[in-house]
Each structure stands twice: as structure tokens, then as C-alpha cells.
Amino acid sequence: MRDLNWQTHSLFVCLAFALGAMQVFAFAPFGFWPLSFLSLAAYFYLTHFLTAKAAFFYGLAYGYGVYVVGVSWVYISLSTYGGMPFWMGSIAVLGFAGLLAVFIAAASYIVVRFFSVNQRFLVWPLVWGVFEWMKSWVLTGFPWLDIGYTQTPTWLFAWAPIGGLYLVSFMVLAVASLVSEMIRNRALLMVVPICLIVAASWYVDTFTWSQPVGKPLTIGVVQANVPINSKWQAAKRDALINNYRSLSAQIQSEVNADLIIWPETALPLYLQQTDTQFWRDIQPKGAALLTGIMDSPSIANGNLDESYNAAVLSCEGEPQVYRKRHLVPFGEYLPLRFLFNWVLEYLELPMSDFSSWQGQQALDCGAIRVGLSICYEDAFANEYRQHVGDATVLVNISEDAWFGDSFAPHQRAQMAQMRARELARPLVRSANSGPSLFINERGVLEASTPQFETHTLSRQVQPHRGDTPYKKFGNWVVWLSLLALLVLALIAVFRPASKRLGLEKSQGLEEKRQD
């Protein structure tokens, strides 16, 4: 393939794009997880015959296939709800997908440029995994469609409490790389390590990483399905709040819940516009209330210079405040404001200029110890594990109406499953337009609501306590991968030097013999 003409290369680039698009169908809402192995194995096989420069462009094509299809919902957020015209929204999606695709392209270049054909099956999982991790923090990060999420229905999911998402990704990449090498080299012995990975995964799946603590809690979630365009209308505010109160009262009449959860920004007002009496009035009788709200300490001075996407846990009318840490760029804050201020002025996104909070934020109502995340904060596994503390129940509140009827809410549900399994704690998710979820400590989805319907859901949840290896040590698999790559790089550097030295010595001895 190194000597192919540009027309043939174009055909194979299209194949790489199709393989990337195939990968999307391994994720939710489709869940065809074997496609993840097939897509990666075929792509690895394709790159065996490329130059490093060609591998970069093939990787770019594969990445475009993944992200143009997989995050196509970005267009809905920008155009349908943000007011962008078609041409601008399309350019934004293509540019964003291209930025994400560069990580796969760079990984492909490094593997082909610095490692021989016979070494690549060993380094693909290391290099790809490191770049997947980099994608989670470069330019604030976007850890979406990471390979490990495809395995929530399989035994490979069992590695999540040990090494988190990236260890699951490593296992998927390792199996795909072994399959590719088996096909390329007709090495049937590659079946042995594949079987060992599967057997080890089955064994690890039998482990228990946390223990029940206290009595089960009855938790209810309210999915009010409030249209985005009407939520912020002051004239509808009282009716909206009364609807939440009515739905909460319905839950209480059925199950007498200990905690009721409303979604992100369920209350379209600022915390400073409330008082103790307000919280006593809206709090469901006999239950604690957790709800999204906005918080602006500077509003008393007549400005909104310091505003937070926040949540309140109300226990007996006394609000405990959580302020969002990881904000959505261009949705909740504007990066590089001096360059992009015109974007904020152009888009019609309400509440899109927040501040982020960095301090510790415990939410505790006696037996109710909540580890909260707002919106896509639960996509950032390492941050989440660090701030949940000794929480015994994980909660995510979200406003998924921004994504419309797209892949995004289902992809986010799969992320929630991963967070629950990594930390070995149950997770409850309340989303305005759904799906709202109950996930157990093993990451198994136990109950969910239909989308785009007003709905309530309640269930008994057993709190859990205990530190998984991942909660204790974080992304150790990434650091180990970096160390392994460093060792391989040093071997690559010094081995040619030692060969040259050996050749020079042998030439010197030969000259002495001749003399």
C-alpha cells in the first residue's frame, strides 16, 4: 500500500472513515459491542502497510468517522437551541470533530513512525490509551466515546473498579490488536492471550468492591419534561414550580421517599431569591429535596459577575449548596474570550456565562450522603472520584433537552454506568427530558424512564461504602502505559547504538587479525 496511487489511497481513507463510523454503533443507544473489536482490529490491520504520514491521515479519517457521527448532536445544541444557521452549525460540528480526530491521528502516526510492524500489536493499546486520556483534559477535555464505554454489557466492564475506564479501554484495544496481529501474521497462538483476558475478566467480575451501609433509602426522581424555550419565562415560573411540587407529592403518596431529586436548573431562579421559608414550602413532606438552581453571590450588588450552575440539598428547609466544577465550553463559559466573545453575543443560549467552583462540597442529610455531579461532570472520572469523598450514593442531575432526540442522552447514561462501577456505588440520575435512571453499584441499569414524557420514578437504593482500587489510585494504568512507552523508546534509542558499537568492535578485531 506504500506504492499505491492517490485514487486507491482515497478509497482506503474512505474505508477508514467507515470503520470509525462503525465504532459508533458499539456505543449506546445501539449497543452492538462486538463492532468495537471489529472496527479497531480492521483499522489496526489497515495501518500495518502505511507510512507514518499516511497513517496520520488514515487516523484522521477514522476519527472523523467516529466523531462526525457520534457527536452529531452538537449541531442540535448549537442550531436548534443556540440559533446558529445551518452553515455555521455544520462548520462548528466538522471543526469540533476534526479536533477530536487529531488524537487518533497522532496516536496512529506515533505507532507507525516509531515502532516496527512486529511491535505494533504491543504498543497500540498503550499509545491509543494515552491519547484517549489526553483527550479528557487537553483544552478542558472532552472524554466522549472512549472505547471502554462500549463494554458496559460485557465481562470486560469488571475491570472498571480496578483501573477505571482506561483499563477497560486497554483491554478492548489489546484484544483488537491481538486479533489484527493474528490475521496479519497468521499467528493462531494469539488466541491464547485473548482467552486469558476473557477468563481473567470473568474472574474479576466475581469480586465485590464495596459493602452496604445503613438501611436502604427510598429515592424518587421527577422528570418534568419542561421545554427549554419556556423554562426561563418569568410568567411561567410559578406554574413550573407548582408542577414539580405536585409530582413530588405524587411520589410521596405512593412510596414515602427519603429523598426526591429534581433535575439540573429545575428552579429557574437564583439561590439569593429564596429564603428558609421558600425551601420549607417546596420541600416534599417527609423527604429531603435535591434540586438544580442557579447561584450568584454578586446579585446583591446588581450584577451577575459571579454566577454558578448549582444545586441545593434541602434538609428540613436548610439548603446545602453545590456549585458546578467542570463547565461546558461555549455552553456555560467562553474560553479565550478575547477571540470568541462574538460567539456568546450571537448564540441565544440562556445562562451561558458561569464561573466554576474548586473547593470541597459535601452534601449530607444524616443517612443521605450524596456524591453529586451536574450535567457532564460525570464524564470526568478522575475529577469525580476525587470529590465524592465518603458519599454512599452518587447522583447526577442533568438537562438533556439541549441534545434533542439524539445519541447524547443515551451515551451519557452509559457514562453514568461506568462511574457507578468504577466507584462501586449506586447512582441515581434525574434528567429533565430523560432518561432518568437507577443504576446499582455494579453499573447495572435497574430502572429508567421514557424520554420526552412527564414522569416520576422511585426505587429503594442501598447505600454502599468502600474504596475501589480506582478510587484510591486513579488512572494508574495511564501512568504505567507512559512508563512502558518510555522504556520502549529508550530501548529503541540505545539498541542501534549498541549494534553500531558491536559492529565497530568486530571491525577492529578483524583489522588486528589482518595486521
Protein backbone atom coordinates (compact mmCIF):
# COMPACT_ATOMS: atom_id res chain seq x y z
CA MET A 1 0.00 0.00 0.00
CA ARG A 2 3.02 2.29 0.30
CA ASP A 3 3.21 2.46 -3.51
CA LEU A 4 -0.49 2.92 -4.21
CA ASN A 5 -1.70 5.86 -6.27
CA TRP A 6 -3.81 8.62 -4.72
CA GLN A 7 -7.08 7.23 -6.08
CA THR A 8 -6.54 3.93 -4.27
CA HIS A 9 -5.41 5.70 -1.12
CA SER A 10 -8.62 7.76 -1.27
CA LEU A 11 -10.63 4.55 -1.37
CA PHE A 12 -8.84 3.20 1.71
CA VAL A 13 -9.24 6.54 3.52
CA CYS A 14 -12.97 6.21 2.94
CA LEU A 15 -12.75 2.71 4.37
CA ALA A 16 -11.04 4.12 7.48
CA PHE A 17 -13.85 6.67 7.82
CA ALA A 18 -16.44 3.88 7.53
CA LEU A 19 -14.64 1.83 10.19
CA GLY A 20 -14.75 4.84 12.51
CA ALA A 21 -18.45 5.34 11.86
CA MET A 22 -18.97 1.63 12.57
CA GLN A 23 -17.42 2.15 16.01
CA VAL A 24 -20.29 4.49 16.99
CA PHE A 25 -22.76 1.62 16.79
CA ALA A 26 -20.90 -0.20 19.55
CA PHE A 27 -21.99 2.55 21.97
CA ALA A 28 -25.44 3.33 23.33
CA PRO A 29 -28.17 3.58 22.18
CA PHE A 30 -27.26 0.76 19.77
CA GLY A 31 -25.08 -1.40 21.98
CA PHE A 32 -23.60 -3.65 19.27
CA TRP A 33 -20.41 -4.01 21.33
CA PRO A 34 -18.65 -6.62 19.10
CA LEU A 35 -18.36 -3.89 16.45
CA SER A 36 -15.82 -2.16 18.66
CA PHE A 37 -13.40 -5.07 18.31
CA LEU A 38 -14.10 -5.49 14.58
CA SER A 39 -13.67 -1.78 13.85
CA LEU A 40 -10.39 -1.46 15.76
CA ALA A 41 -8.91 -4.76 14.52
CA ALA A 42 -9.65 -3.82 10.89
CA TYR A 43 -8.16 -0.35 11.38
CA PHE A 44 -5.00 -1.71 13.03
CA TYR A 45 -4.62 -4.17 10.15
CA LEU A 46 -5.00 -1.34 7.65
CA THR A 47 -2.22 0.72 9.25
CA HIS A 48 0.30 -2.14 9.11
CA PHE A 49 1.03 -1.27 5.48
CA LEU A 50 1.23 2.53 5.75
CA THR A 51 3.93 5.12 6.10
CA ALA A 52 3.76 7.32 9.19
CA LYS A 53 2.46 10.27 7.17
CA ALA A 54 -0.27 8.17 5.58
CA ALA A 55 -1.17 6.70 9.00
CA PHE A 56 -1.83 10.21 10.31
CA PHE A 57 -4.37 10.92 7.56
CA TYR A 58 -5.95 7.48 7.87
CA GLY A 59 -6.26 8.11 11.62
CA LEU A 60 -7.83 11.48 10.90
CA ALA A 61 -10.37 9.77 8.64
CA TYR A 62 -11.13 7.11 11.26
CA GLY A 63 -11.54 9.80 13.91
CA TYR A 64 -13.83 11.83 11.68
CA GLY A 65 -15.96 8.73 11.23
CA VAL A 66 -16.25 8.30 15.00
CA TYR A 67 -16.95 11.91 15.92
CA VAL A 68 -18.89 13.31 12.98
CA VAL A 69 -21.41 10.51 13.50
CA GLY A 70 -21.04 10.06 17.26
CA VAL A 71 -21.26 13.71 18.36
CA SER A 72 -23.55 14.91 15.59
CA TRP A 73 -25.87 16.03 18.40
CA VAL A 74 -23.64 19.08 18.87
CA TYR A 75 -25.42 20.53 15.84
CA ILE A 76 -28.77 20.25 17.65
CA SER A 77 -27.43 22.19 20.65
CA LEU A 78 -25.90 24.92 18.50
CA SER A 79 -28.51 25.26 15.78
CA THR A 80 -31.87 24.19 17.21
CA TYR A 81 -31.41 25.80 20.62
CA GLY A 82 -28.48 28.17 20.04
CA GLY A 83 -29.83 29.84 16.92
CA MET A 84 -26.84 29.10 14.66
CA PRO A 85 -27.66 29.00 10.93
CA PHE A 86 -27.15 25.70 9.13
CA TRP A 87 -23.82 26.63 7.55
CA MET A 88 -22.28 27.86 10.79
CA GLY A 89 -23.54 24.90 12.82
CA SER A 90 -22.20 22.47 10.22
CA ILE A 91 -18.77 24.10 10.20
CA ALA A 92 -18.72 24.03 14.01
CA VAL A 93 -19.51 20.28 14.09
CA LEU A 94 -16.90 19.47 11.43
CA GLY A 95 -14.28 21.58 13.19
CA PHE A 96 -15.05 20.04 16.56
CA ALA A 97 -14.97 16.51 15.17
CA GLY A 98 -11.68 17.28 13.46
CA LEU A 99 -10.15 18.49 16.71
CA LEU A 100 -11.12 15.22 18.41
CA ALA A 101 -9.97 13.16 15.44
CA VAL A 102 -6.45 14.60 15.74
CA PHE A 103 -5.92 12.49 18.88
CA ILE A 104 -6.47 9.27 16.92
CA ALA A 105 -4.39 10.60 14.03
CA ALA A 106 -1.48 11.46 16.34
CA ALA A 107 -1.64 8.02 18.00
CA SER A 108 -1.57 6.37 14.57
CA TYR A 109 1.41 8.43 13.46
CA ILE A 110 3.44 7.59 16.57
CA VAL A 111 2.76 3.86 16.37
CA VAL A 112 3.74 3.61 12.69
CA ARG A 113 6.64 6.08 12.86
CA PHE A 114 8.46 4.73 15.89
CA PHE A 115 7.64 1.02 16.07
CA SER A 116 8.24 -1.86 13.71
CA VAL A 117 5.41 -3.88 12.22
CA ASN A 118 6.10 -6.74 14.65
CA GLN A 119 5.98 -4.42 17.69
CA ARG A 120 2.79 -2.57 16.90
CA PHE A 121 0.36 -5.09 18.33
CA LEU A 122 2.04 -4.49 21.70
CA VAL A 123 2.04 -0.70 21.60
CA TRP A 124 -1.36 0.07 20.08
CA PRO A 125 -3.20 -0.33 23.44
CA LEU A 126 -0.57 1.81 25.19
CA VAL A 127 -0.44 4.69 22.72
CA TRP A 128 -4.16 4.80 21.95
CA GLY A 129 -4.99 4.67 25.65
CA VAL A 130 -2.64 7.55 26.46
CA PHE A 131 -4.14 9.74 23.75
CA GLU A 132 -7.65 8.82 24.90
CA TRP A 133 -6.65 10.03 28.36
CA MET A 134 -5.15 13.23 26.89
CA LYS A 135 -8.47 13.92 25.18
CA SER A 136 -10.04 14.09 28.65
CA TRP A 137 -8.04 17.18 29.72
CA VAL A 138 -6.47 18.97 26.74
CA LEU A 139 -8.40 22.25 26.14
CA THR A 140 -10.57 21.44 29.21
CA GLY A 141 -11.22 17.95 27.85
CA PHE A 142 -13.98 16.05 26.09
CA PRO A 143 -13.91 12.39 27.22
CA TRP A 144 -16.72 11.30 24.93
CA LEU A 145 -16.95 7.99 23.04
CA ASP A 146 -13.96 6.49 24.79
CA ILE A 147 -13.58 2.85 23.78
CA GLY A 148 -14.18 1.37 27.25
CA TYR A 149 -17.79 2.58 27.36
CA THR A 150 -18.76 0.03 24.71
CA GLN A 151 -18.18 -2.79 27.22
CA THR A 152 -20.80 -2.00 29.87
CA PRO A 153 -22.72 -5.19 28.87
CA THR A 154 -19.62 -7.48 28.88
CA TRP A 155 -17.19 -9.09 31.33
CA LEU A 156 -14.54 -6.50 30.42
CA PHE A 157 -16.67 -4.00 32.36
CA ALA A 158 -15.41 -5.77 35.50
CA TRP A 159 -12.02 -4.01 35.18
CA ALA A 160 -13.58 -0.59 35.88
CA PRO A 161 -13.25 -0.72 39.72
CA ILE A 162 -9.58 -1.69 39.35
CA GLY A 163 -8.33 0.78 36.76
CA GLY A 164 -11.31 2.80 35.65
CA LEU A 165 -12.47 3.49 32.13
CA TYR A 166 -8.96 3.48 30.68
CA LEU A 167 -8.20 -0.04 31.90
CA VAL A 168 -11.41 -1.22 30.21
CA SER A 169 -10.32 0.62 27.05
CA PHE A 170 -6.89 -1.01 27.31
CA MET A 171 -8.48 -4.47 27.40
CA VAL A 172 -10.62 -3.75 24.33
CA LEU A 173 -7.64 -2.35 22.44
CA ALA A 174 -5.46 -5.30 23.46
CA VAL A 175 -7.98 -7.86 22.18
CA ALA A 176 -8.48 -5.94 18.92
CA SER A 177 -4.71 -5.61 18.43
CA LEU A 178 -4.18 -9.33 19.05
CA VAL A 179 -6.92 -10.19 16.54
CA SER A 180 -5.30 -7.89 13.97
CA GLU A 181 -1.89 -9.49 14.51
CA MET A 182 -3.37 -12.97 14.32
CA ILE A 183 -4.85 -12.15 10.90
CA ARG A 184 -1.76 -10.33 9.60
CA ASN A 185 0.77 -12.93 10.71
CA ARG A 186 -1.49 -15.99 10.74
CA ALA A 187 -0.41 -16.40 14.36
CA LEU A 188 -3.03 -18.67 15.88
CA LEU A 189 -1.19 -18.53 19.20
CA MET A 190 -2.70 -15.06 19.66
CA VAL A 191 -5.88 -16.88 20.65
CA VAL A 192 -4.18 -17.80 23.95
CA PRO A 193 -3.78 -14.26 25.37
CA ILE A 194 -7.28 -13.38 24.13
CA CYS A 195 -8.70 -16.32 26.05
CA LEU A 196 -6.66 -15.34 29.11
CA ILE A 197 -8.12 -11.81 29.01
CA VAL A 198 -11.65 -13.19 28.78
CA ALA A 199 -11.06 -15.70 31.60
CA ALA A 200 -9.45 -13.07 33.84
CA SER A 201 -12.37 -10.71 33.16
CA TRP A 202 -14.86 -13.39 34.18
CA TYR A 203 -12.90 -14.00 37.38
CA VAL A 204 -12.59 -10.30 38.26
CA ASP A 205 -16.32 -9.92 37.66
CA THR A 206 -16.94 -12.08 40.75
CA PHE A 207 -15.22 -9.57 43.07
CA THR A 208 -17.14 -7.31 45.46
CA TRP A 209 -15.60 -3.87 45.95
CA SER A 210 -17.96 -2.14 48.40
CA GLN A 211 -20.22 -3.02 51.30
CA PRO A 212 -23.79 -1.99 52.11
CA VAL A 213 -24.04 0.64 54.84
CA GLY A 214 -27.17 1.58 56.75
CA LYS A 215 -30.73 0.94 55.66
CA PRO A 216 -31.96 1.16 52.07
CA LEU A 217 -33.18 4.63 51.05
CA THR A 218 -36.31 5.21 49.06
CA ILE A 219 -35.41 7.73 46.37
CA GLY A 220 -37.73 9.36 43.87
CA VAL A 221 -36.86 11.31 40.73
CA VAL A 222 -39.03 13.85 38.97
CA GLN A 223 -38.78 14.17 35.19
CA ALA A 224 -40.93 17.21 34.41
CA ASN A 225 -40.05 17.41 30.69
CA VAL A 226 -40.13 21.22 30.71
CA PRO A 227 -39.45 22.72 27.23
CA ILE A 228 -36.17 24.66 27.13
CA ASN A 229 -37.81 27.65 25.50
CA SER A 230 -40.40 28.11 28.25
CA LYS A 231 -38.30 27.30 31.33
CA TRP A 232 -36.81 30.78 31.55
CA GLN A 233 -40.04 32.71 31.06
CA ALA A 234 -40.80 34.55 34.30
CA ALA A 235 -44.55 34.33 33.71
CA LYS A 236 -44.41 30.52 33.80
CA ARG A 237 -42.12 30.22 36.82
CA ASP A 238 -44.80 29.67 39.49
CA ALA A 239 -46.65 27.11 37.38
CA LEU A 240 -43.39 25.24 36.77
CA ILE A 241 -42.51 25.11 40.47
CA ASN A 242 -46.04 24.03 41.39
CA ASN A 243 -45.80 21.22 38.83
CA TYR A 244 -42.63 19.94 40.49
CA ARG A 245 -44.31 20.11 43.88
CA SER A 246 -47.34 18.22 42.58
CA LEU A 247 -45.21 15.46 41.00
CA SER A 248 -43.18 15.16 44.22
CA ALA A 249 -46.39 14.88 46.27
CA GLN A 250 -47.45 12.08 43.91
CA ILE A 251 -44.25 10.18 44.73
CA GLN A 252 -44.80 10.71 48.45
CA SER A 253 -48.33 9.42 48.26
CA GLU A 254 -47.06 6.22 46.65
CA VAL A 255 -43.79 5.37 48.43
CA ASN A 256 -42.98 7.93 51.15
CA ALA A 257 -39.50 8.67 49.80
CA ASP A 258 -36.47 9.68 51.89
CA LEU A 259 -35.02 11.80 49.06
CA ILE A 260 -36.61 13.36 45.99
CA ILE A 261 -34.41 14.62 43.15
CA TRP A 262 -35.26 17.32 40.62
CA PRO A 263 -33.09 17.89 37.50
CA GLU A 264 -30.44 20.47 36.66
CA THR A 265 -31.76 24.07 36.87
CA ALA A 266 -35.19 22.73 37.74
CA LEU A 267 -35.75 26.00 39.60
CA PRO A 268 -35.26 28.84 37.07
CA LEU A 269 -34.17 31.38 39.67
CA TYR A 270 -31.19 32.31 41.82
CA LEU A 271 -30.50 30.92 45.26
CA GLN A 272 -30.34 34.51 46.51
CA GLN A 273 -34.02 34.94 45.53
CA THR A 274 -35.01 32.28 48.08
CA ASP A 275 -35.15 32.07 51.86
CA THR A 276 -35.67 29.40 54.50
CA GLN A 277 -39.44 29.64 54.19
CA PHE A 278 -39.24 29.07 50.43
CA TRP A 279 -37.36 25.80 50.95
CA ARG A 280 -39.74 24.66 53.64
CA ASP A 281 -42.66 25.33 51.32
CA ILE A 282 -41.33 23.44 48.30
CA GLN A 283 -39.65 20.57 50.13
CA PRO A 284 -41.82 17.43 49.87
CA LYS A 285 -43.30 16.43 53.20
CA GLY A 286 -41.15 13.82 54.93
CA ALA A 287 -38.34 13.87 52.34
CA ALA A 288 -35.12 15.72 51.64
CA LEU A 289 -35.05 17.60 48.33
CA LEU A 290 -32.15 17.84 45.89
CA THR A 291 -32.67 20.26 43.01
CA GLY A 292 -30.78 22.25 40.44
CA ILE A 293 -30.75 26.04 40.78
CA MET A 294 -28.51 29.00 39.96
CA ASP A 295 -26.32 30.75 42.50
CA SER A 296 -24.97 34.29 42.22
CA PRO A 297 -23.40 35.77 45.36
CA SER A 298 -22.84 39.06 43.50
CA ILE A 299 -26.51 39.55 42.58
CA ALA A 300 -26.98 41.68 45.69
CA ASN A 301 -24.64 44.22 44.08
CA GLY A 302 -26.79 44.36 40.98
CA ASN A 303 -24.60 42.21 38.71
CA LEU A 304 -24.02 38.60 37.77
CA ASP A 305 -20.22 38.66 37.59
CA GLU A 306 -20.01 35.53 39.77
CA SER A 307 -22.71 33.03 38.86
CA TYR A 308 -22.75 29.27 39.27
CA ASN A 309 -24.73 26.39 37.85
CA ALA A 310 -25.59 24.95 41.24
CA ALA A 311 -27.71 22.52 43.23
CA VAL A 312 -29.25 22.58 46.69
CA LEU A 313 -29.83 19.71 49.09
CA SER A 314 -32.56 20.88 51.44
CA CYS A 315 -32.81 19.11 54.78
CA GLU A 316 -35.59 20.48 56.97
CA GLY A 317 -35.54 23.70 54.96
CA GLU A 318 -31.81 24.35 55.42
CA PRO A 319 -30.13 24.47 51.98
CA GLN A 320 -26.69 22.95 51.38
CA VAL A 321 -25.16 24.30 48.17
CA TYR A 322 -23.13 22.51 45.48
CA ARG A 323 -21.57 24.59 42.69
CA LYS A 324 -20.60 23.02 39.39
CA ARG A 325 -16.88 22.47 38.87
CA HIS A 326 -16.37 21.45 35.25
CA LEU A 327 -18.19 23.75 32.83
CA VAL A 328 -19.18 23.15 29.20
CA PRO A 329 -17.09 25.37 26.91
CA PHE A 330 -19.24 27.70 24.78
CA GLY A 331 -22.30 26.41 26.64
CA GLU A 332 -21.53 27.52 30.22
CA TYR A 333 -18.40 29.60 29.79
CA LEU A 334 -16.42 31.19 26.98
CA PRO A 335 -12.80 30.08 26.52
CA LEU A 336 -10.39 32.63 25.02
CA ARG A 337 -12.97 35.37 25.44
CA PHE A 338 -10.88 37.93 23.54
CA LEU A 339 -11.24 35.74 20.43
CA PHE A 340 -14.74 34.33 20.82
CA ASN A 341 -16.78 36.98 22.61
CA TRP A 342 -18.83 37.40 19.44
CA VAL A 343 -19.99 33.77 19.81
CA LEU A 344 -21.57 34.49 23.20
CA GLU A 345 -23.29 37.55 21.78
CA TYR A 346 -24.52 35.64 18.73
CA LEU A 347 -25.84 32.47 20.39
CA GLU A 348 -29.20 32.59 22.10
CA LEU A 349 -28.19 30.31 24.98
CA PRO A 350 -29.66 31.35 28.37
CA MET A 351 -27.37 31.13 31.42
CA SER A 352 -24.22 30.54 29.37
CA ASP A 353 -21.56 32.50 31.27
CA PHE A 354 -20.94 30.74 34.59
CA SER A 355 -17.99 30.54 36.97
CA SER A 356 -16.53 27.22 38.16
CA TRP A 357 -16.04 26.19 41.79
CA GLN A 358 -12.95 24.45 43.12
CA GLY A 359 -13.49 23.80 46.86
CA GLN A 360 -14.83 20.71 48.62
CA GLN A 361 -18.62 20.42 48.69
CA ALA A 362 -20.19 17.81 50.94
CA LEU A 363 -23.91 17.12 50.77
CA ASP A 364 -25.15 15.29 53.84
CA CYS A 365 -28.59 14.74 55.32
CA GLY A 366 -27.95 12.19 58.06
CA ALA A 367 -28.09 8.81 56.36
CA ILE A 368 -28.18 10.54 52.97
CA ARG A 369 -24.61 11.21 51.83
CA VAL A 370 -24.63 12.36 48.23
CA GLY A 371 -21.78 12.45 45.70
CA LEU A 372 -23.22 14.92 43.21
CA SER A 373 -22.38 15.79 39.62
CA ILE A 374 -24.20 18.25 37.39
CA CYS A 375 -24.61 17.57 33.68
CA TYR A 376 -21.47 16.24 32.00
CA GLU A 377 -19.32 16.49 35.13
CA ASP A 378 -19.82 12.75 35.47
CA ALA A 379 -17.89 12.28 32.21
CA PHE A 380 -14.68 13.28 34.01
CA ALA A 381 -13.97 10.16 36.00
CA ASN A 382 -10.78 11.26 37.72
CA GLU A 383 -12.32 14.51 38.98
CA TYR A 384 -15.44 12.71 40.14
CA ARG A 385 -13.57 10.08 42.15
CA GLN A 386 -11.60 12.81 43.93
CA HIS A 387 -14.55 14.87 45.15
CA VAL A 388 -17.19 12.28 46.07
CA GLY A 389 -15.42 11.69 49.40
CA ASP A 390 -17.31 9.30 51.65
CA ALA A 391 -20.59 9.64 49.76
CA THR A 392 -22.64 6.45 49.79
CA VAL A 393 -24.98 7.31 46.88
CA LEU A 394 -23.97 9.00 43.61
CA VAL A 395 -26.38 11.44 41.98
CA ASN A 396 -26.30 13.15 38.60
CA ILE A 397 -28.76 15.88 37.65
CA SER A 398 -28.95 16.95 34.04
CA GLU A 399 -30.76 18.96 31.39
CA ASP A 400 -30.59 16.74 28.31
CA ALA A 401 -33.23 18.63 26.36
CA TRP A 402 -30.32 20.55 24.78
CA PHE A 403 -29.46 17.38 22.83
CA GLY A 404 -32.94 16.70 21.43
CA ASP A 405 -33.75 13.21 20.21
CA SER A 406 -30.13 12.26 19.58
CA PHE A 407 -27.47 9.78 20.72
CA ALA A 408 -26.20 12.05 23.50
CA PRO A 409 -28.60 11.22 26.38
CA HIS A 410 -28.01 7.50 25.84
CA GLN A 411 -24.24 7.96 25.63
CA ARG A 412 -24.44 9.90 28.89
CA ALA A 413 -26.40 7.09 30.52
CA GLN A 414 -23.58 4.71 29.59
CA MET A 415 -21.09 7.09 31.21
CA ALA A 416 -23.17 7.03 34.39
CA GLN A 417 -22.99 3.23 34.40
CA MET A 418 -19.20 3.44 34.20
CA ARG A 419 -18.98 5.90 37.11
CA ALA A 420 -21.15 3.66 39.29
CA ARG A 421 -18.99 0.59 38.53
CA GLU A 422 -15.69 2.46 38.99
CA LEU A 423 -16.67 3.69 42.46
CA ALA A 424 -18.84 0.68 43.41
CA ARG A 425 -21.75 2.86 44.48
CA PRO A 426 -25.33 3.14 43.26
CA LEU A 427 -26.07 6.11 41.02
CA VAL A 428 -29.37 7.92 40.54
CA ARG A 429 -29.82 10.24 37.57
CA SER A 430 -32.56 12.84 37.20
CA ALA A 431 -32.85 14.41 33.74
CA ASN A 432 -35.50 16.94 32.72
CA SER A 433 -36.36 15.21 29.45
CA GLY A 434 -34.97 11.78 30.33
CA PRO A 435 -33.87 9.19 30.52
CA SER A 436 -33.78 9.29 34.33
CA LEU A 437 -32.05 6.24 35.76
CA PHE A 438 -31.37 3.99 38.72
CA ILE A 439 -28.02 2.17 38.43
CA ASN A 440 -26.72 -0.25 41.05
CA GLU A 441 -23.19 -0.44 42.46
CA ARG A 442 -22.16 -2.89 39.71
CA GLY A 443 -23.12 -0.45 36.97
CA VAL A 444 -26.26 -2.36 36.02
CA LEU A 445 -29.19 -0.27 34.85
CA GLU A 446 -32.13 -1.28 37.03
CA ALA A 447 -34.84 1.21 36.05
CA SER A 448 -35.27 4.09 33.61
CA THR A 449 -37.91 6.49 32.35
CA PRO A 450 -39.01 7.06 28.75
CA GLN A 451 -37.72 10.22 27.10
CA PHE A 452 -39.76 13.35 26.43
CA GLU A 453 -42.54 12.44 28.83
CA THR A 454 -43.53 13.87 32.20
CA HIS A 455 -42.69 11.02 34.53
CA THR A 456 -41.80 10.05 38.07
CA LEU A 457 -39.76 7.07 39.15
CA SER A 458 -38.93 5.73 42.60
CA ARG A 459 -36.91 2.84 43.90
CA GLN A 460 -35.16 1.55 47.01
CA VAL A 461 -31.43 2.23 46.88
CA GLN A 462 -28.92 0.54 49.19
CA PRO A 463 -26.07 2.95 50.08
CA HIS A 464 -22.56 1.50 49.73
CA ARG A 465 -19.19 2.33 51.22
CA GLY A 466 -15.67 1.19 50.36
CA ASP A 467 -12.77 2.38 48.25
CA THR A 468 -12.15 0.59 44.97
CA PRO A 469 -8.58 0.46 43.66
CA TYR A 470 -9.59 3.02 41.06
CA LYS A 471 -10.97 5.40 43.70
CA LYS A 472 -7.71 5.10 45.66
CA PHE A 473 -5.17 5.24 42.85
CA GLY A 474 -6.92 6.84 39.89
CA ASN A 475 -5.54 6.47 36.37
CA TRP A 476 -2.57 4.27 37.27
CA VAL A 477 -2.98 2.37 34.01
CA VAL A 478 -2.20 5.57 32.07
CA TRP A 479 0.99 6.22 34.05
CA LEU A 480 2.03 2.60 33.62
CA SER A 481 1.42 2.90 29.88
CA LEU A 482 3.55 6.04 29.73
CA LEU A 483 6.32 4.28 31.64
CA ALA A 484 6.17 1.28 29.29
CA LEU A 485 6.37 3.57 26.26
CA LEU A 486 9.33 5.39 27.79
CA VAL A 487 11.16 2.08 28.30
CA LEU A 488 10.42 1.02 24.72
CA ALA A 489 11.63 4.39 23.46
CA LEU A 490 14.91 4.05 25.40
CA ILE A 491 15.41 0.55 24.02
CA ALA A 492 14.82 1.88 20.51
CA VAL A 493 17.39 4.64 21.06
CA PHE A 494 20.14 2.59 22.67
CA ARG A 495 19.80 -0.64 20.73
CA PRO A 496 21.01 0.84 17.41
CA ALA A 497 23.89 2.48 19.28
CA SER A 498 24.90 -0.84 20.85
CA LYS A 499 24.67 -2.53 17.46
CA ARG A 500 26.92 0.12 15.92
CA LEU A 501 29.38 -0.28 18.82
CA GLY A 502 29.41 -4.05 18.37
CA LEU A 503 29.99 -3.64 14.62
CA GLU A 504 32.90 -1.25 15.21
CA LYS A 505 34.50 -3.66 17.70
CA SER A 506 34.19 -6.57 15.30
CA GLN A 507 35.71 -4.49 12.50
CA GLY A 508 38.61 -3.51 14.82
CA LEU A 509 39.29 -7.14 15.71
CA GLU A 510 39.21 -8.10 12.06
CA GLU A 511 41.75 -5.39 11.22
CA LYS A 512 44.06 -6.61 14.03
CA ARG A 513 43.89 -10.16 12.68
CA GLN A 514 44.78 -8.91 9.24
CA ASP A 515 47.77 -6.99 10.65
